[in-house]
Amino acid sequence: MVQAYVTIQTGGGTSQNVVEELRELGKVRKANIVAGEVDVIAEVEAESEQDLLRLISDEIQSIDGVGRTRTCIILG
């Protein structure tokens, strides 16, 4: 099992919609709008690194309003 935080920069006015769509994805444990350099942080869980890659590139990055993402794998 691989767990990670995914930080997301969104387009203007799209953060709420992005969070709502993230929360519908089964592998997203939490998603919240935050203040700071990024707009949204999601906590995700995947079976493997390949599964994590598919989640981010095929599902999260295809959500309307998602711009740049950065992934931080949880080590412990």
PDB file of N, CA and C in Angstrom:
ATOM      1  N   MET A   1       0.849  -1.183   0.000  1.00  0.00           N
ATOM      2  CA  MET A   1       0.000   0.000   0.000  1.00  0.00           C
ATOM      3  C   MET A   1       0.893   1.244   0.000  1.00  0.00           C
ATOM      4  N   VAL A   2       0.562   2.193  -0.857  1.00  0.00           N
ATOM      5  CA  VAL A   2       1.280   3.454  -0.964  1.00  0.00           C
ATOM      6  C   VAL A   2       0.326   4.575  -0.587  1.00  0.00           C
ATOM      7  N   GLN A   3       0.763   5.425   0.341  1.00  0.00           N
ATOM      8  CA  GLN A   3      -0.030   6.587   0.731  1.00  0.00           C
ATOM      9  C   GLN A   3       0.750   7.836   0.353  1.00  0.00           C
ATOM     10  N   ALA A   4       0.020   8.890  -0.020  1.00  0.00           N
ATOM     11  CA  ALA A   4       0.687  10.119  -0.431  1.00  0.00           C
ATOM     12  C   ALA A   4      -0.224  11.317  -0.220  1.00  0.00           C
ATOM     13  N   TYR A   5       0.420  12.481  -0.167  1.00  0.00           N
ATOM     14  CA  TYR A   5      -0.298  13.744  -0.220  1.00  0.00           C
ATOM     15  C   TYR A   5      -0.088  14.304  -1.615  1.00  0.00           C
ATOM     16  N   VAL A   6      -1.161  14.795  -2.220  1.00  0.00           N
ATOM     17  CA  VAL A   6      -1.077  15.420  -3.530  1.00  0.00           C
ATOM     18  C   VAL A   6      -1.501  16.875  -3.366  1.00  0.00           C
ATOM     19  N   THR A   7      -0.576  17.795  -3.656  1.00  0.00           N
ATOM     20  CA  THR A   7      -0.926  19.208  -3.605  1.00  0.00           C
ATOM     21  C   THR A   7      -1.332  19.628  -5.010  1.00  0.00           C
ATOM     22  N   ILE A   8      -2.331  20.499  -5.077  1.00  0.00           N
ATOM     23  CA  ILE A   8      -2.922  20.860  -6.358  1.00  0.00           C
ATOM     24  C   ILE A   8      -3.100  22.370  -6.452  1.00  0.00           C
ATOM     25  N   GLN A   9      -2.638  22.932  -7.555  1.00  0.00           N
ATOM     26  CA  GLN A   9      -2.959  24.312  -7.883  1.00  0.00           C
ATOM     27  C   GLN A   9      -4.142  24.266  -8.842  1.00  0.00           C
ATOM     28  N   THR A  10      -5.143  25.079  -8.556  1.00  0.00           N
ATOM     29  CA  THR A  10      -6.359  25.065  -9.374  1.00  0.00           C
ATOM     30  C   THR A  10      -6.521  26.385 -10.118  1.00  0.00           C
ATOM     31  N   GLY A  11      -7.378  26.359 -11.118  1.00  0.00           N
ATOM     32  CA  GLY A  11      -7.730  27.593 -11.810  1.00  0.00           C
ATOM     33  C   GLY A  11      -8.624  28.450 -10.924  1.00  0.00           C
ATOM     34  N   GLY A  12      -8.659  29.720 -11.193  1.00  0.00           N
ATOM     35  CA  GLY A  12      -9.452  30.649 -10.388  1.00  0.00           C
ATOM     36  C   GLY A  12     -10.900  30.216 -10.239  1.00  0.00           C
ATOM     37  N   GLY A  13     -11.357  30.140  -8.994  1.00  0.00           N
ATOM     38  CA  GLY A  13     -12.747  29.828  -8.711  1.00  0.00           C
ATOM     39  C   GLY A  13     -13.138  28.372  -8.867  1.00  0.00           C
ATOM     40  N   THR A  14     -12.163  27.466  -9.025  1.00  0.00           N
ATOM     41  CA  THR A  14     -12.502  26.061  -9.253  1.00  0.00           C
ATOM     42  C   THR A  14     -12.189  25.145  -8.081  1.00  0.00           C
ATOM     43  N   SER A  15     -11.608  25.661  -7.015  1.00  0.00           N
ATOM     44  CA  SER A  15     -11.163  24.808  -5.905  1.00  0.00           C
ATOM     45  C   SER A  15     -12.284  23.965  -5.312  1.00  0.00           C
ATOM     46  N   GLN A  16     -13.430  24.546  -5.087  1.00  0.00           N
ATOM     47  CA  GLN A  16     -14.538  23.805  -4.473  1.00  0.00           C
ATOM     48  C   GLN A  16     -14.985  22.649  -5.366  1.00  0.00           C
ATOM     49  N   ASN A  17     -15.107  22.895  -6.659  1.00  0.00           N
ATOM     50  CA  ASN A  17     -15.502  21.835  -7.586  1.00  0.00           C
ATOM     51  C   ASN A  17     -14.446  20.730  -7.644  1.00  0.00           C
ATOM     52  N   VAL A  18     -13.166  21.120  -7.624  1.00  0.00           N
ATOM     53  CA  VAL A  18     -12.083  20.138  -7.646  1.00  0.00           C
ATOM     54  C   VAL A  18     -12.170  19.255  -6.410  1.00  0.00           C
ATOM     55  N   VAL A  19     -12.362  19.852  -5.237  1.00  0.00           N
ATOM     56  CA  VAL A  19     -12.461  19.083  -3.994  1.00  0.00           C
ATOM     57  C   VAL A  19     -13.645  18.128  -4.046  1.00  0.00           C
ATOM     58  N   GLU A  20     -14.775  18.591  -4.529  1.00  0.00           N
ATOM     59  CA  GLU A  20     -15.959  17.726  -4.615  1.00  0.00           C
ATOM     60  C   GLU A  20     -15.705  16.521  -5.519  1.00  0.00           C
ATOM     61  N   GLU A  21     -15.039  16.749  -6.649  1.00  0.00           N
ATOM     62  CA  GLU A  21     -14.742  15.629  -7.553  1.00  0.00           C
ATOM     63  C   GLU A  21     -13.697  14.689  -6.955  1.00  0.00           C
ATOM     64  N   LEU A  22     -12.708  15.240  -6.272  1.00  0.00           N
ATOM     65  CA  LEU A  22     -11.698  14.397  -5.618  1.00  0.00           C
ATOM     66  C   LEU A  22     -12.341  13.477  -4.591  1.00  0.00           C
ATOM     67  N   ARG A  23     -13.262  14.019  -3.815  1.00  0.00           N
ATOM     68  CA  ARG A  23     -13.910  13.237  -2.755  1.00  0.00           C
ATOM     69  C   ARG A  23     -14.744  12.090  -3.307  1.00  0.00           C
ATOM     70  N   GLU A  24     -15.085  12.137  -4.575  1.00  0.00           N
ATOM     71  CA  GLU A  24     -15.834  11.053  -5.201  1.00  0.00           C
ATOM     72  C   GLU A  24     -14.932   9.902  -5.653  1.00  0.00           C
ATOM     73  N   LEU A  25     -13.627  10.151  -5.731  1.00  0.00           N
ATOM     74  CA  LEU A  25     -12.694   9.102  -6.145  1.00  0.00           C
ATOM     75  C   LEU A  25     -12.419   8.161  -4.971  1.00  0.00           C
ATOM     76  N   GLY A  26     -12.534   6.891  -5.190  1.00  0.00           N
ATOM     77  CA  GLY A  26     -12.401   5.907  -4.121  1.00  0.00           C
ATOM     78  C   GLY A  26     -11.054   5.877  -3.432  1.00  0.00           C
ATOM     79  N   LYS A  27      -9.993   6.275  -4.118  1.00  0.00           N
ATOM     80  CA  LYS A  27      -8.655   6.206  -3.535  1.00  0.00           C
ATOM     81  C   LYS A  27      -8.239   7.494  -2.827  1.00  0.00           C
ATOM     82  N   VAL A  28      -9.110   8.495  -2.842  1.00  0.00           N
ATOM     83  CA  VAL A  28      -8.849   9.745  -2.140  1.00  0.00           C
ATOM     84  C   VAL A  28      -9.458   9.642  -0.749  1.00  0.00           C
ATOM     85  N   ARG A  29      -8.606   9.678   0.279  1.00  0.00           N
ATOM     86  CA  ARG A  29      -9.084   9.559   1.655  1.00  0.00           C
ATOM     87  C   ARG A  29      -9.605  10.881   2.190  1.00  0.00           C
ATOM     88  N   LYS A  30      -8.932  11.981   1.843  1.00  0.00           N
ATOM     89  CA  LYS A  30      -9.333  13.319   2.275  1.00  0.00           C
ATOM     90  C   LYS A  30      -8.968  14.296   1.177  1.00  0.00           C
ATOM     91  N   ALA A  31      -9.710  15.371   1.062  1.00  0.00           N
ATOM     92  CA  ALA A  31      -9.384  16.466   0.153  1.00  0.00           C
ATOM     93  C   ALA A  31      -9.917  17.749   0.764  1.00  0.00           C
ATOM     94  N   ASN A  32      -9.046  18.746   0.844  1.00  0.00           N
ATOM     95  CA  ASN A  32      -9.432  20.002   1.472  1.00  0.00           C
ATOM     96  C   ASN A  32      -8.837  21.191   0.735  1.00  0.00           C
ATOM     97  N   ILE A  33      -9.566  22.300   0.751  1.00  0.00           N
ATOM     98  CA  ILE A  33      -9.047  23.576   0.279  1.00  0.00           C
ATOM     99  C   ILE A  33      -8.159  24.132   1.386  1.00  0.00           C
ATOM    100  N   VAL A  34      -6.995  24.661   1.006  1.00  0.00           N
ATOM    101  CA  VAL A  34      -6.056  25.203   1.984  1.00  0.00           C
ATOM    102  C   VAL A  34      -5.588  26.587   1.548  1.00  0.00           C
ATOM    103  N   ALA A  35      -5.032  27.340   2.483  1.00  0.00           N
ATOM    104  CA  ALA A  35      -4.440  28.642   2.183  1.00  0.00           C
ATOM    105  C   ALA A  35      -2.939  28.453   2.026  1.00  0.00           C
ATOM    106  N   GLY A  36      -2.350  29.180   1.105  1.00  0.00           N
ATOM    107  CA  GLY A  36      -0.904  29.094   0.916  1.00  0.00           C
ATOM    108  C   GLY A  36      -0.541  28.989  -0.549  1.00  0.00           C
ATOM    109  N   GLU A  37       0.592  28.357  -0.824  1.00  0.00           N
ATOM    110  CA  GLU A  37       1.108  28.270  -2.183  1.00  0.00           C
ATOM    111  C   GLU A  37       0.277  27.359  -3.085  1.00  0.00           C
ATOM    112  N   VAL A  38      -0.441  26.426  -2.497  1.00  0.00           N
ATOM    113  CA  VAL A  38      -1.316  25.541  -3.271  1.00  0.00           C
ATOM    114  C   VAL A  38      -2.755  25.783  -2.830  1.00  0.00           C
ATOM    115  N   ASP A  39      -3.686  25.262  -3.609  1.00  0.00           N
ATOM    116  CA  ASP A  39      -5.100  25.509  -3.326  1.00  0.00           C
ATOM    117  C   ASP A  39      -5.808  24.341  -2.656  1.00  0.00           C
ATOM    118  N   VAL A  40      -5.352  23.116  -2.976  1.00  0.00           N
ATOM    119  CA  VAL A  40      -6.004  21.904  -2.474  1.00  0.00           C
ATOM    120  C   VAL A  40      -4.934  20.893  -2.090  1.00  0.00           C
ATOM    121  N   ILE A  41      -5.178  20.177  -0.996  1.00  0.00           N
ATOM    122  CA  ILE A  41      -4.335  19.040  -0.628  1.00  0.00           C
ATOM    123  C   ILE A  41      -5.239  17.820  -0.498  1.00  0.00           C
ATOM    124  N   ALA A  42      -4.817  16.725  -1.150  1.00  0.00           N
ATOM    125  CA  ALA A  42      -5.557  15.471  -1.071  1.00  0.00           C
ATOM    126  C   ALA A  42      -4.659  14.397  -0.470  1.00  0.00           C
ATOM    127  N   GLU A  43      -5.229  13.593   0.404  1.00  0.00           N
ATOM    128  CA  GLU A  43      -4.532  12.416   0.932  1.00  0.00           C
ATOM    129  C   GLU A  43      -5.062  11.214   0.166  1.00  0.00           C
ATOM    130  N   VAL A  44      -4.151  10.479  -0.469  1.00  0.00           N
ATOM    131  CA  VAL A  44      -4.570   9.371  -1.331  1.00  0.00           C
ATOM    132  C   VAL A  44      -3.904   8.075  -0.899  1.00  0.00           C
ATOM    133  N   GLU A  45      -4.488   6.966  -1.362  1.00  0.00           N
ATOM    134  CA  GLU A  45      -3.983   5.634  -1.039  1.00  0.00           C
ATOM    135  C   GLU A  45      -4.098   4.780  -2.303  1.00  0.00           C
ATOM    136  N   ALA A  46      -3.022   4.067  -2.631  1.00  0.00           N
ATOM    137  CA  ALA A  46      -3.013   3.225  -3.822  1.00  0.00           C
ATOM    138  C   ALA A  46      -2.340   1.894  -3.500  1.00  0.00           C
ATOM    139  N   GLU A  47      -2.614   0.901  -4.329  1.00  0.00           N
ATOM    140  CA  GLU A  47      -2.042  -0.433  -4.111  1.00  0.00           C
ATOM    141  C   GLU A  47      -0.541  -0.478  -4.373  1.00  0.00           C
ATOM    142  N   SER A  48      -0.064   0.331  -5.318  1.00  0.00           N
ATOM    143  CA  SER A  48       1.344   0.312  -5.707  1.00  0.00           C
ATOM    144  C   SER A  48       1.731   1.685  -6.255  1.00  0.00           C
ATOM    145  N   GLU A  49       3.018   1.864  -6.534  1.00  0.00           N
ATOM    146  CA  GLU A  49       3.453   3.119  -7.134  1.00  0.00           C
ATOM    147  C   GLU A  49       2.844   3.292  -8.526  1.00  0.00           C
ATOM    148  N   GLN A  50       2.704   2.202  -9.282  1.00  0.00           N
ATOM    149  CA  GLN A  50       2.082   2.266 -10.602  1.00  0.00           C
ATOM    150  C   GLN A  50       0.612   2.669 -10.483  1.00  0.00           C
ATOM    151  N   ASP A  51      -0.071   2.133  -9.486  1.00  0.00           N
ATOM    152  CA  ASP A  51      -1.466   2.489  -9.236  1.00  0.00           C
ATOM    153  C   ASP A  51      -1.568   3.964  -8.850  1.00  0.00           C
ATOM    154  N   LEU A  52      -0.625   4.447  -8.062  1.00  0.00           N
ATOM    155  CA  LEU A  52      -0.583   5.857  -7.674  1.00  0.00           C
ATOM    156  C   LEU A  52      -0.377   6.734  -8.905  1.00  0.00           C
ATOM    157  N   LEU A  53       0.525   6.330  -9.778  1.00  0.00           N
ATOM    158  CA  LEU A  53       0.773   7.075 -11.011  1.00  0.00           C
ATOM    159  C   LEU A  53      -0.499   7.164 -11.852  1.00  0.00           C
ATOM    160  N   ARG A  54      -1.215   6.060 -11.997  1.00  0.00           N
ATOM    161  CA  ARG A  54      -2.468   6.067 -12.758  1.00  0.00           C
ATOM    162  C   ARG A  54      -3.514   6.973 -12.110  1.00  0.00           C
ATOM    163  N   LEU A  55      -3.617   6.902 -10.783  1.00  0.00           N
ATOM    164  CA  LEU A  55      -4.568   7.746 -10.064  1.00  0.00           C
ATOM    165  C   LEU A  55      -4.303   9.224 -10.344  1.00  0.00           C
ATOM    166  N   ILE A  56      -3.045   9.608 -10.251  1.00  0.00           N
ATOM    167  CA  ILE A  56      -2.703  11.021 -10.429  1.00  0.00           C
ATOM    168  C   ILE A  56      -2.833  11.442 -11.886  1.00  0.00           C
ATOM    169  N   SER A  57      -2.211  10.696 -12.785  1.00  0.00           N
ATOM    170  CA  SER A  57      -2.178  11.133 -14.185  1.00  0.00           C
ATOM    171  C   SER A  57      -3.491  10.905 -14.923  1.00  0.00           C
ATOM    172  N   ASP A  58      -4.202   9.837 -14.617  1.00  0.00           N
ATOM    173  CA  ASP A  58      -5.438   9.532 -15.348  1.00  0.00           C
ATOM    174  C   ASP A  58      -6.694  10.096 -14.693  1.00  0.00           C
ATOM    175  N   GLU A  59      -6.710  10.168 -13.383  1.00  0.00           N
ATOM    176  CA  GLU A  59      -7.940  10.600 -12.705  1.00  0.00           C
ATOM    177  C   GLU A  59      -7.843  12.025 -12.164  1.00  0.00           C
ATOM    178  N   ILE A  60      -6.861  12.285 -11.311  1.00  0.00           N
ATOM    179  CA  ILE A  60      -6.789  13.607 -10.667  1.00  0.00           C
ATOM    180  C   ILE A  60      -6.479  14.698 -11.680  1.00  0.00           C
ATOM    181  N   GLN A  61      -5.482  14.492 -12.530  1.00  0.00           N
ATOM    182  CA  GLN A  61      -5.104  15.544 -13.477  1.00  0.00           C
ATOM    183  C   GLN A  61      -6.126  15.750 -14.588  1.00  0.00           C
ATOM    184  N   SER A  62      -7.093  14.862 -14.710  1.00  0.00           N
ATOM    185  CA  SER A  62      -8.126  15.047 -15.725  1.00  0.00           C
ATOM    186  C   SER A  62      -9.345  15.815 -15.210  1.00  0.00           C
ATOM    187  N   ILE A  63      -9.356  16.142 -13.922  1.00  0.00           N
ATOM    188  CA  ILE A  63     -10.459  16.918 -13.348  1.00  0.00           C
ATOM    189  C   ILE A  63     -10.360  18.359 -13.844  1.00  0.00           C
ATOM    190  N   ASP A  64     -11.478  18.908 -14.338  1.00  0.00           N
ATOM    191  CA  ASP A  64     -11.494  20.303 -14.783  1.00  0.00           C
ATOM    192  C   ASP A  64     -11.093  21.223 -13.642  1.00  0.00           C
ATOM    193  N   GLY A  65     -10.160  22.122 -13.918  1.00  0.00           N
ATOM    194  CA  GLY A  65      -9.701  23.072 -12.911  1.00  0.00           C
ATOM    195  C   GLY A  65      -8.386  22.684 -12.279  1.00  0.00           C
ATOM    196  N   VAL A  66      -7.970  21.415 -12.409  1.00  0.00           N
ATOM    197  CA  VAL A  66      -6.688  20.992 -11.843  1.00  0.00           C
ATOM    198  C   VAL A  66      -5.572  21.490 -12.741  1.00  0.00           C
ATOM    199  N   GLY A  67      -4.641  22.213 -12.131  1.00  0.00           N
ATOM    200  CA  GLY A  67      -3.472  22.686 -12.855  1.00  0.00           C
ATOM    201  C   GLY A  67      -2.281  21.814 -12.504  1.00  0.00           C
ATOM    202  N   ARG A  68      -1.348  22.389 -11.833  1.00  0.00           N
ATOM    203  CA  ARG A  68      -0.124  21.688 -11.440  1.00  0.00           C
ATOM    204  C   ARG A  68      -0.364  20.837 -10.200  1.00  0.00           C
ATOM    205  N   THR A  69       0.218  19.640 -10.183  1.00  0.00           N
ATOM    206  CA  THR A  69       0.153  18.787  -8.990  1.00  0.00           C
ATOM    207  C   THR A  69       1.563  18.454  -8.532  1.00  0.00           C
ATOM    208  N   ARG A  70       1.686  18.163  -7.259  1.00  0.00           N
ATOM    209  CA  ARG A  70       2.953  17.687  -6.682  1.00  0.00           C
ATOM    210  C   ARG A  70       2.587  16.586  -5.713  1.00  0.00           C
ATOM    211  N   THR A  71       3.334  15.493  -5.769  1.00  0.00           N
ATOM    212  CA  THR A  71       3.043  14.319  -4.942  1.00  0.00           C
ATOM    213  C   THR A  71       4.138  14.094  -3.914  1.00  0.00           C
ATOM    214  N   CYS A  72       3.731  13.893  -2.667  1.00  0.00           N
ATOM    215  CA  CYS A  72       4.650  13.596  -1.570  1.00  0.00           C
ATOM    216  C   CYS A  72       4.249  12.246  -0.994  1.00  0.00           C
ATOM    217  N   ILE A  73       5.073  11.224  -1.250  1.00  0.00           N
ATOM    218  CA  ILE A  73       4.780   9.883  -0.740  1.00  0.00           C
ATOM    219  C   ILE A  73       5.061   9.842   0.749  1.00  0.00           C
ATOM    220  N   ILE A  74       4.149   9.270   1.502  1.00  0.00           N
ATOM    221  CA  ILE A  74       4.289   9.145   2.959  1.00  0.00           C
ATOM    222  C   ILE A  74       5.234   7.987   3.255  1.00  0.00           C
ATOM    223  N   LEU A  75       6.285   8.266   4.027  1.00  0.00           N
ATOM    224  CA  LEU A  75       7.291   7.256   4.341  1.00  0.00           C
ATOM    225  C   LEU A  75       7.045   6.558   5.666  1.00  0.00           C
ATOM    226  N   GLY A  76       6.360   7.167   6.554  1.00  0.00           N
ATOM    227  CA  GLY A  76       6.145   6.523   7.840  1.00  0.00           C
ATOM    228  C   GLY A  76       5.116   7.206   8.665  1.00  0.00           C
TER     229      GLY A  76
END
